[in-house]
Amino acid sequence: MNANPLAHGHGVHAEVGDQIVVGGPTVGTPGRDGEVIALHHEDGTPPYDVRWSDTGRTSVFFPGPDAHVRHLHDEPGTPRHEERPSGAVASC
């Protein structure tokens, strides 16, 4: 499965606590990651408030094609978030 939902034309969706991973600007340059700490839209679409792990700073982030969301609540051994309200878009 491709980790980048933009590669197939799908919208990006995240929840608070998910991880944003951004590729490096050039080959061989490390990327960065951060935690989604707030949503601007109830359906989980961008932009997101992200706390970056390399600086500890928070910024409003609009994901580009080099970014993807790691849904940490979907990984084995990680507790699931509370259920979404009725009508909310599921993140896959």
PDB file of N, CA and C in Angstrom:
ATOM      1  N   MET A   1       0.839  -1.176   0.000  1.00  0.00           N
ATOM      2  CA  MET A   1       0.000   0.000   0.000  1.00  0.00           C
ATOM      3  C   MET A   1       0.885   1.240   0.000  1.00  0.00           C
ATOM      4  N   ASN A   2       0.570   2.207  -0.832  1.00  0.00           N
ATOM      5  CA  ASN A   2       1.325   3.456  -0.904  1.00  0.00           C
ATOM      6  C   ASN A   2       0.972   4.312   0.305  1.00  0.00           C
ATOM      7  N   ALA A   3       1.986   4.811   1.005  1.00  0.00           N
ATOM      8  CA  ALA A   3       1.757   5.591   2.217  1.00  0.00           C
ATOM      9  C   ALA A   3       1.281   7.007   1.917  1.00  0.00           C
ATOM     10  N   ASN A   4       1.414   7.466   0.670  1.00  0.00           N
ATOM     11  CA  ASN A   4       1.026   8.827   0.327  1.00  0.00           C
ATOM     12  C   ASN A   4      -0.335   8.826  -0.343  1.00  0.00           C
ATOM     13  N   PRO A   5      -1.397   9.272   0.361  1.00  0.00           N
ATOM     14  CA  PRO A   5      -2.734   9.249  -0.219  1.00  0.00           C
ATOM     15  C   PRO A   5      -2.868  10.183  -1.407  1.00  0.00           C
ATOM     16  N   LEU A   6      -2.013  11.187  -1.539  1.00  0.00           N
ATOM     17  CA  LEU A   6      -2.102  12.099  -2.670  1.00  0.00           C
ATOM     18  C   LEU A   6      -1.704  11.413  -3.975  1.00  0.00           C
ATOM     19  N   ALA A   7      -0.919  10.347  -3.896  1.00  0.00           N
ATOM     20  CA  ALA A   7      -0.432   9.681  -5.090  1.00  0.00           C
ATOM     21  C   ALA A   7      -1.569   9.079  -5.913  1.00  0.00           C
ATOM     22  N   HIS A   8      -2.677   8.768  -5.292  1.00  0.00           N
ATOM     23  CA  HIS A   8      -3.814   8.180  -5.990  1.00  0.00           C
ATOM     24  C   HIS A   8      -5.006   9.128  -6.029  1.00  0.00           C
ATOM     25  N   GLY A   9      -4.793  10.398  -5.717  1.00  0.00           N
ATOM     26  CA  GLY A   9      -5.868  11.370  -5.804  1.00  0.00           C
ATOM     27  C   GLY A   9      -6.793  11.394  -4.603  1.00  0.00           C
ATOM     28  N   HIS A  10      -6.460  10.675  -3.553  1.00  0.00           N
ATOM     29  CA  HIS A  10      -7.292  10.674  -2.349  1.00  0.00           C
ATOM     30  C   HIS A  10      -6.979  11.907  -1.529  1.00  0.00           C
ATOM     31  N   GLY A  11      -7.952  12.381  -0.788  1.00  0.00           N
ATOM     32  CA  GLY A  11      -7.699  13.496   0.108  1.00  0.00           C
ATOM     33  C   GLY A  11      -6.918  13.040   1.317  1.00  0.00           C
ATOM     34  N   VAL A  12      -6.232  13.965   1.942  1.00  0.00           N
ATOM     35  CA  VAL A  12      -5.488  13.684   3.163  1.00  0.00           C
ATOM     36  C   VAL A  12      -6.426  13.891   4.338  1.00  0.00           C
ATOM     37  N   HIS A  13      -6.396  12.959   5.279  1.00  0.00           N
ATOM     38  CA  HIS A  13      -7.190  13.063   6.494  1.00  0.00           C
ATOM     39  C   HIS A  13      -6.319  12.688   7.678  1.00  0.00           C
ATOM     40  N   ALA A  14      -6.461  13.410   8.776  1.00  0.00           N
ATOM     41  CA  ALA A  14      -5.695  13.119   9.984  1.00  0.00           C
ATOM     42  C   ALA A  14      -6.568  13.349  11.199  1.00  0.00           C
ATOM     43  N   GLU A  15      -6.108  12.820  12.301  1.00  0.00           N
ATOM     44  CA  GLU A  15      -6.723  13.042  13.603  1.00  0.00           C
ATOM     45  C   GLU A  15      -5.655  13.589  14.533  1.00  0.00           C
ATOM     46  N   VAL A  16      -6.094  14.246  15.586  1.00  0.00           N
ATOM     47  CA  VAL A  16      -5.153  14.696  16.605  1.00  0.00           C
ATOM     48  C   VAL A  16      -4.403  13.473  17.114  1.00  0.00           C
ATOM     49  N   GLY A  17      -3.086  13.584  17.195  1.00  0.00           N
ATOM     50  CA  GLY A  17      -2.237  12.482  17.630  1.00  0.00           C
ATOM     51  C   GLY A  17      -1.565  11.746  16.490  1.00  0.00           C
ATOM     52  N   ASP A  18      -2.057  11.917  15.261  1.00  0.00           N
ATOM     53  CA  ASP A  18      -1.403  11.302  14.112  1.00  0.00           C
ATOM     54  C   ASP A  18      -0.063  11.981  13.866  1.00  0.00           C
ATOM     55  N   GLN A  19       0.774  11.327  13.091  1.00  0.00           N
ATOM     56  CA  GLN A  19       2.092  11.862  12.777  1.00  0.00           C
ATOM     57  C   GLN A  19       2.128  12.285  11.311  1.00  0.00           C
ATOM     58  N   ILE A  20       2.651  13.482  11.060  1.00  0.00           N
ATOM     59  CA  ILE A  20       2.898  13.965   9.706  1.00  0.00           C
ATOM     60  C   ILE A  20       4.373  13.686   9.403  1.00  0.00           C
ATOM     61  N   VAL A  21       4.635  13.064   8.261  1.00  0.00           N
ATOM     62  CA  VAL A  21       6.001  12.781   7.839  1.00  0.00           C
ATOM     63  C   VAL A  21       6.213  13.476   6.497  1.00  0.00           C
ATOM     64  N   VAL A  22       7.262  14.285   6.417  1.00  0.00           N
ATOM     65  CA  VAL A  22       7.560  15.046   5.208  1.00  0.00           C
ATOM     66  C   VAL A  22       8.935  14.621   4.707  1.00  0.00           C
ATOM     67  N   GLY A  23       9.019  14.316   3.408  1.00  0.00           N
ATOM     68  CA  GLY A  23      10.286  13.924   2.811  1.00  0.00           C
ATOM     69  C   GLY A  23      11.261  15.090   2.794  1.00  0.00           C
ATOM     70  N   GLY A  24      12.550  14.786   2.720  1.00  0.00           N
ATOM     71  CA  GLY A  24      13.577  15.817   2.643  1.00  0.00           C
ATOM     72  C   GLY A  24      13.490  16.577   1.327  1.00  0.00           C
ATOM     73  N   PRO A  25      13.998  17.800   1.304  1.00  0.00           N
ATOM     74  CA  PRO A  25      13.895  18.627   0.104  1.00  0.00           C
ATOM     75  C   PRO A  25      14.745  18.124  -1.067  1.00  0.00           C
ATOM     76  N   THR A  26      15.793  17.364  -0.782  1.00  0.00           N
ATOM     77  CA  THR A  26      16.633  16.780  -1.829  1.00  0.00           C
ATOM     78  C   THR A  26      17.019  15.373  -1.419  1.00  0.00           C
ATOM     79  N   VAL A  27      17.438  14.582  -2.380  1.00  0.00           N
ATOM     80  CA  VAL A  27      17.872  13.213  -2.102  1.00  0.00           C
ATOM     81  C   VAL A  27      19.039  13.260  -1.120  1.00  0.00           C
ATOM     82  N   GLY A  28      18.952  12.423  -0.099  1.00  0.00           N
ATOM     83  CA  GLY A  28      20.008  12.365   0.902  1.00  0.00           C
ATOM     84  C   GLY A  28      19.828  13.348   2.049  1.00  0.00           C
ATOM     85  N   THR A  29      18.850  14.237   1.936  1.00  0.00           N
ATOM     86  CA  THR A  29      18.565  15.185   3.008  1.00  0.00           C
ATOM     87  C   THR A  29      17.433  14.618   3.858  1.00  0.00           C
ATOM     88  N   PRO A  30      17.620  14.557   5.173  1.00  0.00           N
ATOM     89  CA  PRO A  30      16.569  13.988   6.004  1.00  0.00           C
ATOM     90  C   PRO A  30      15.290  14.825   5.950  1.00  0.00           C
ATOM     91  N   GLY A  31      14.174  14.135   6.106  1.00  0.00           N
ATOM     92  CA  GLY A  31      12.883  14.803   6.191  1.00  0.00           C
ATOM     93  C   GLY A  31      12.620  15.210   7.625  1.00  0.00           C
ATOM     94  N   ARG A  32      11.376  15.470   7.902  1.00  0.00           N
ATOM     95  CA  ARG A  32      11.005  15.803   9.279  1.00  0.00           C
ATOM     96  C   ARG A  32       9.637  15.220   9.569  1.00  0.00           C
ATOM     97  N   ASP A  33       9.324  15.179  10.852  1.00  0.00           N
ATOM     98  CA  ASP A  33       8.022  14.674  11.254  1.00  0.00           C
ATOM     99  C   ASP A  33       7.514  15.503  12.421  1.00  0.00           C
ATOM    100  N   GLY A  34       6.221  15.404  12.632  1.00  0.00           N
ATOM    101  CA  GLY A  34       5.607  16.124  13.735  1.00  0.00           C
ATOM    102  C   GLY A  34       4.272  15.508  14.090  1.00  0.00           C
ATOM    103  N   GLU A  35       3.748  15.925  15.224  1.00  0.00           N
ATOM    104  CA  GLU A  35       2.473  15.418  15.720  1.00  0.00           C
ATOM    105  C   GLU A  35       1.364  16.412  15.421  1.00  0.00           C
ATOM    106  N   VAL A  36       0.253  15.897  14.897  1.00  0.00           N
ATOM    107  CA  VAL A  36      -0.924  16.731  14.685  1.00  0.00           C
ATOM    108  C   VAL A  36      -1.504  17.030  16.062  1.00  0.00           C
ATOM    109  N   ILE A  37      -1.526  18.318  16.431  1.00  0.00           N
ATOM    110  CA  ILE A  37      -2.040  18.678  17.756  1.00  0.00           C
ATOM    111  C   ILE A  37      -3.395  19.366  17.692  1.00  0.00           C
ATOM    112  N   ALA A  38      -3.816  19.800  16.490  1.00  0.00           N
ATOM    113  CA  ALA A  38      -5.141  20.405  16.335  1.00  0.00           C
ATOM    114  C   ALA A  38      -5.566  20.347  14.881  1.00  0.00           C
ATOM    115  N   LEU A  39      -6.869  20.235  14.688  1.00  0.00           N
ATOM    116  CA  LEU A  39      -7.457  20.234  13.358  1.00  0.00           C
ATOM    117  C   LEU A  39      -8.156  21.561  13.121  1.00  0.00           C
ATOM    118  N   HIS A  40      -8.201  21.981  11.866  1.00  0.00           N
ATOM    119  CA  HIS A  40      -8.943  23.187  11.504  1.00  0.00           C
ATOM    120  C   HIS A  40     -10.313  22.837  10.939  1.00  0.00           C
ATOM    121  N   HIS A  41     -10.499  21.562  10.549  1.00  0.00           N
ATOM    122  CA  HIS A  41     -11.764  21.093   9.991  1.00  0.00           C
ATOM    123  C   HIS A  41     -12.166  19.800  10.686  1.00  0.00           C
ATOM    124  N   GLU A  42     -13.444  19.673  11.023  1.00  0.00           N
ATOM    125  CA  GLU A  42     -13.926  18.486  11.730  1.00  0.00           C
ATOM    126  C   GLU A  42     -13.735  17.201  10.941  1.00  0.00           C
ATOM    127  N   ASP A  43     -13.683  17.293   9.607  1.00  0.00           N
ATOM    128  CA  ASP A  43     -13.559  16.074   8.806  1.00  0.00           C
ATOM    129  C   ASP A  43     -12.115  15.590   8.668  1.00  0.00           C
ATOM    130  N   GLY A  44     -11.164  16.279   9.311  1.00  0.00           N
ATOM    131  CA  GLY A  44      -9.778  15.832   9.307  1.00  0.00           C
ATOM    132  C   GLY A  44      -8.972  16.249   8.094  1.00  0.00           C
ATOM    133  N   THR A  45      -9.526  17.149   7.278  1.00  0.00           N
ATOM    134  CA  THR A  45      -8.778  17.633   6.116  1.00  0.00           C
ATOM    135  C   THR A  45      -7.865  18.780   6.529  1.00  0.00           C
ATOM    136  N   PRO A  46      -6.810  19.044   5.737  1.00  0.00           N
ATOM    137  CA  PRO A  46      -5.860  20.114   6.063  1.00  0.00           C
ATOM    138  C   PRO A  46      -6.521  21.484   6.055  1.00  0.00           C
ATOM    139  N   PRO A  47      -5.858  22.432   6.697  1.00  0.00           N
ATOM    140  CA  PRO A  47      -4.535  22.385   7.315  1.00  0.00           C
ATOM    141  C   PRO A  47      -4.594  21.808   8.724  1.00  0.00           C
ATOM    142  N   TYR A  48      -3.401  21.556   9.278  1.00  0.00           N
ATOM    143  CA  TYR A  48      -3.259  21.013  10.625  1.00  0.00           C
ATOM    144  C   TYR A  48      -2.304  21.885  11.425  1.00  0.00           C
ATOM    145  N   ASP A  49      -2.498  21.917  12.731  1.00  0.00           N
ATOM    146  CA  ASP A  49      -1.491  22.483  13.628  1.00  0.00           C
ATOM    147  C   ASP A  49      -0.570  21.324  13.989  1.00  0.00           C
ATOM    148  N   VAL A  50       0.706  21.465  13.662  1.00  0.00           N
ATOM    149  CA  VAL A  50       1.679  20.383  13.848  1.00  0.00           C
ATOM    150  C   VAL A  50       2.803  20.866  14.752  1.00  0.00           C
ATOM    151  N   ARG A  51       3.148  20.027  15.752  1.00  0.00           N
ATOM    152  CA  ARG A  51       4.322  20.279  16.599  1.00  0.00           C
ATOM    153  C   ARG A  51       5.450  19.432  16.026  1.00  0.00           C
ATOM    154  N   TRP A  52       6.480  20.099  15.500  1.00  0.00           N
ATOM    155  CA  TRP A  52       7.584  19.431  14.819  1.00  0.00           C
ATOM    156  C   TRP A  52       8.564  18.840  15.829  1.00  0.00           C
ATOM    157  N   SER A  53       8.972  17.596  15.599  1.00  0.00           N
ATOM    158  CA  SER A  53       9.847  16.895  16.543  1.00  0.00           C
ATOM    159  C   SER A  53      11.266  17.456  16.552  1.00  0.00           C
ATOM    160  N   ASP A  54      11.710  18.052  15.439  1.00  0.00           N
ATOM    161  CA  ASP A  54      13.085  18.542  15.391  1.00  0.00           C
ATOM    162  C   ASP A  54      13.276  19.892  16.076  1.00  0.00           C
ATOM    163  N   THR A  55      12.204  20.683  16.199  1.00  0.00           N
ATOM    164  CA  THR A  55      12.331  22.014  16.803  1.00  0.00           C
ATOM    165  C   THR A  55      11.435  22.212  18.012  1.00  0.00           C
ATOM    166  N   GLY A  56      10.378  21.396  18.132  1.00  0.00           N
ATOM    167  CA  GLY A  56       9.408  21.578  19.200  1.00  0.00           C
ATOM    168  C   GLY A  56       8.433  22.718  18.915  1.00  0.00           C
ATOM    169  N   ARG A  57       8.610  23.388  17.792  1.00  0.00           N
ATOM    170  CA  ARG A  57       7.728  24.497  17.430  1.00  0.00           C
ATOM    171  C   ARG A  57       6.458  23.985  16.783  1.00  0.00           C
ATOM    172  N   THR A  58       5.423  24.808  16.855  1.00  0.00           N
ATOM    173  CA  THR A  58       4.135  24.481  16.264  1.00  0.00           C
ATOM    174  C   THR A  58       3.876  25.421  15.102  1.00  0.00           C
ATOM    175  N   SER A  59       3.342  24.859  14.010  1.00  0.00           N
ATOM    176  CA  SER A  59       2.986  25.684  12.860  1.00  0.00           C
ATOM    177  C   SER A  59       1.736  25.136  12.203  1.00  0.00           C
ATOM    178  N   VAL A  60       1.096  25.991  11.406  1.00  0.00           N
ATOM    179  CA  VAL A  60      -0.018  25.560  10.571  1.00  0.00           C
ATOM    180  C   VAL A  60       0.605  24.915   9.349  1.00  0.00           C
ATOM    181  N   PHE A  61       0.159  23.704   9.011  1.00  0.00           N
ATOM    182  CA  PHE A  61       0.787  22.932   7.946  1.00  0.00           C
ATOM    183  C   PHE A  61      -0.238  22.497   6.912  1.00  0.00           C
ATOM    184  N   PHE A  62       0.077  22.775   5.645  1.00  0.00           N
ATOM    185  CA  PHE A  62      -0.702  22.309   4.513  1.00  0.00           C
ATOM    186  C   PHE A  62       0.133  21.244   3.807  1.00  0.00           C
ATOM    187  N   PRO A  63      -0.233  19.953   3.873  1.00  0.00           N
ATOM    188  CA  PRO A  63       0.599  18.895   3.295  1.00  0.00           C
ATOM    189  C   PRO A  63       0.745  19.031   1.780  1.00  0.00           C
ATOM    190  N   GLY A  64       1.957  18.813   1.302  1.00  0.00           N
ATOM    191  CA  GLY A  64       2.236  18.755  -0.126  1.00  0.00           C
ATOM    192  C   GLY A  64       2.388  17.309  -0.551  1.00  0.00           C
ATOM    193  N   PRO A  65       2.802  17.077  -1.800  1.00  0.00           N
ATOM    194  CA  PRO A  65       2.913  15.704  -2.311  1.00  0.00           C
ATOM    195  C   PRO A  65       4.018  14.881  -1.651  1.00  0.00           C
ATOM    196  N   ASP A  66       4.927  15.540  -0.937  1.00  0.00           N
ATOM    197  CA  ASP A  66       6.003  14.812  -0.260  1.00  0.00           C
ATOM    198  C   ASP A  66       5.650  14.458   1.181  1.00  0.00           C
ATOM    199  N   ALA A  67       4.409  14.716   1.586  1.00  0.00           N
ATOM    200  CA  ALA A  67       3.981  14.466   2.968  1.00  0.00           C
ATOM    201  C   ALA A  67       2.965  13.330   3.022  1.00  0.00           C
ATOM    202  N   HIS A  68       2.993  12.613   4.126  1.00  0.00           N
ATOM    203  CA  HIS A  68       1.947  11.628   4.379  1.00  0.00           C
ATOM    204  C   HIS A  68       1.631  11.581   5.869  1.00  0.00           C
ATOM    205  N   VAL A  69       0.493  10.994   6.174  1.00  0.00           N
ATOM    206  CA  VAL A  69       0.016  10.893   7.556  1.00  0.00           C
ATOM    207  C   VAL A  69       0.201   9.463   8.021  1.00  0.00           C
ATOM    208  N   ARG A  70       0.840   9.305   9.173  1.00  0.00           N
ATOM    209  CA  ARG A  70       0.909   7.994   9.840  1.00  0.00           C
ATOM    210  C   ARG A  70      -0.180   7.988  10.893  1.00  0.00           C
ATOM    211  N   HIS A  71      -1.157   7.127  10.689  1.00  0.00           N
ATOM    212  CA  HIS A  71      -2.273   7.015  11.625  1.00  0.00           C
ATOM    213  C   HIS A  71      -1.848   6.092  12.759  1.00  0.00           C
ATOM    214  N   LEU A  72      -1.256   6.663  13.785  1.00  0.00           N
ATOM    215  CA  LEU A  72      -0.680   5.870  14.871  1.00  0.00           C
ATOM    216  C   LEU A  72      -1.721   5.035  15.596  1.00  0.00           C
ATOM    217  N   HIS A  73      -2.960   5.493  15.612  1.00  0.00           N
ATOM    218  CA  HIS A  73      -4.003   4.730  16.288  1.00  0.00           C
ATOM    219  C   HIS A  73      -4.362   3.461  15.524  1.00  0.00           C
ATOM    220  N   ASP A  74      -3.936   3.327  14.252  1.00  0.00           N
ATOM    221  CA  ASP A  74      -4.207   2.129  13.465  1.00  0.00           C
ATOM    222  C   ASP A  74      -3.103   1.085  13.573  1.00  0.00           C
ATOM    223  N   GLU A  75      -1.981   1.447  14.224  1.00  0.00           N
ATOM    224  CA  GLU A  75      -0.871   0.508  14.327  1.00  0.00           C
ATOM    225  C   GLU A  75      -1.100  -0.457  15.487  1.00  0.00           C
ATOM    226  N   PRO A  76      -0.678  -1.714  15.330  1.00  0.00           N
ATOM    227  CA  PRO A  76      -0.866  -2.701  16.395  1.00  0.00           C
ATOM    228  C   PRO A  76      -0.235  -2.254  17.703  1.00  0.00           C
ATOM    229  N   GLY A  77      -0.957  -2.478  18.794  1.00  0.00           N
ATOM    230  CA  GLY A  77      -0.448  -2.159  20.121  1.00  0.00           C
ATOM    231  C   GLY A  77      -0.646  -0.713  20.531  1.00  0.00           C
ATOM    232  N   THR A  78      -1.235   0.087  19.655  1.00  0.00           N
ATOM    233  CA  THR A  78      -1.483   1.488  19.980  1.00  0.00           C
ATOM    234  C   THR A  78      -2.970   1.664  20.250  1.00  0.00           C
ATOM    235  N   PRO A  79      -3.327   2.298  21.367  1.00  0.00           N
ATOM    236  CA  PRO A  79      -4.751   2.461  21.672  1.00  0.00           C
ATOM    237  C   PRO A  79      -5.456   3.287  20.611  1.00  0.00           C
ATOM    238  N   ARG A  80      -6.707   2.931  20.350  1.00  0.00           N
ATOM    239  CA  ARG A  80      -7.509   3.675  19.377  1.00  0.00           C
ATOM    240  C   ARG A  80      -8.068   4.939  20.020  1.00  0.00           C
ATOM    241  N   HIS A  81      -8.245   5.962  19.189  1.00  0.00           N
ATOM    242  CA  HIS A  81      -8.887   7.189  19.646  1.00  0.00           C
ATOM    243  C   HIS A  81     -10.363   6.911  19.860  1.00  0.00           C
ATOM    244  N   GLU A  82     -11.049   7.840  20.503  1.00  0.00           N
ATOM    245  CA  GLU A  82     -12.487   7.701  20.674  1.00  0.00           C
ATOM    246  C   GLU A  82     -13.152   7.647  19.315  1.00  0.00           C
ATOM    247  N   GLU A  83     -14.330   7.034  19.263  1.00  0.00           N
ATOM    248  CA  GLU A  83     -15.071   6.924  18.009  1.00  0.00           C
ATOM    249  C   GLU A  83     -15.406   8.306  17.473  1.00  0.00           C
ATOM    250  N   ARG A  84     -15.432   8.422  16.166  1.00  0.00           N
ATOM    251  CA  ARG A  84     -15.800   9.686  15.524  1.00  0.00           C
ATOM    252  C   ARG A  84     -17.294   9.903  15.639  1.00  0.00           C
ATOM    253  N   PRO A  85     -17.719  11.169  15.651  1.00  0.00           N
ATOM    254  CA  PRO A  85     -19.151  11.433  15.656  1.00  0.00           C
ATOM    255  C   PRO A  85     -19.769  10.966  14.350  1.00  0.00           C
ATOM    256  N   SER A  86     -21.040  10.685  14.368  1.00  0.00           N
ATOM    257  CA  SER A  86     -21.758  10.250  13.196  1.00  0.00           C
ATOM    258  C   SER A  86     -21.569  11.242  12.047  1.00  0.00           C
ATOM    259  N   GLY A  87     -21.316  10.699  10.855  1.00  0.00           N
ATOM    260  CA  GLY A  87     -21.156  11.540   9.673  1.00  0.00           C
ATOM    261  C   GLY A  87     -19.743  11.989   9.412  1.00  0.00           C
ATOM    262  N   ALA A  88     -18.806  11.725  10.331  1.00  0.00           N
ATOM    263  CA  ALA A  88     -17.412  12.139  10.121  1.00  0.00           C
ATOM    264  C   ALA A  88     -16.756  11.207   9.109  1.00  0.00           C
ATOM    265  N   VAL A  89     -15.799  11.735   8.392  1.00  0.00           N
ATOM    266  CA  VAL A  89     -15.086  10.970   7.386  1.00  0.00           C
ATOM    267  C   VAL A  89     -14.023  10.115   8.059  1.00  0.00           C
ATOM    268  N   ALA A  90     -13.999   8.836   7.724  1.00  0.00           N
ATOM    269  CA  ALA A  90     -12.992   7.941   8.291  1.00  0.00           C
ATOM    270  C   ALA A  90     -11.654   8.197   7.609  1.00  0.00           C
ATOM    271  N   SER A  91     -10.568   8.069   8.369  1.00  0.00           N
ATOM    272  CA  SER A  91      -9.238   8.226   7.776  1.00  0.00           C
ATOM    273  C   SER A  91      -8.655   6.859   7.508  1.00  0.00           C
ATOM    274  N   CYS A  92      -8.174   6.661   6.306  1.00  0.00           N
ATOM    275  CA  CYS A  92      -7.579   5.389   5.910  1.00  0.00           C
ATOM    276  C   CYS A  92      -6.216   5.593   5.352  1.00  0.00           C
TER     277      CYS A  92
END
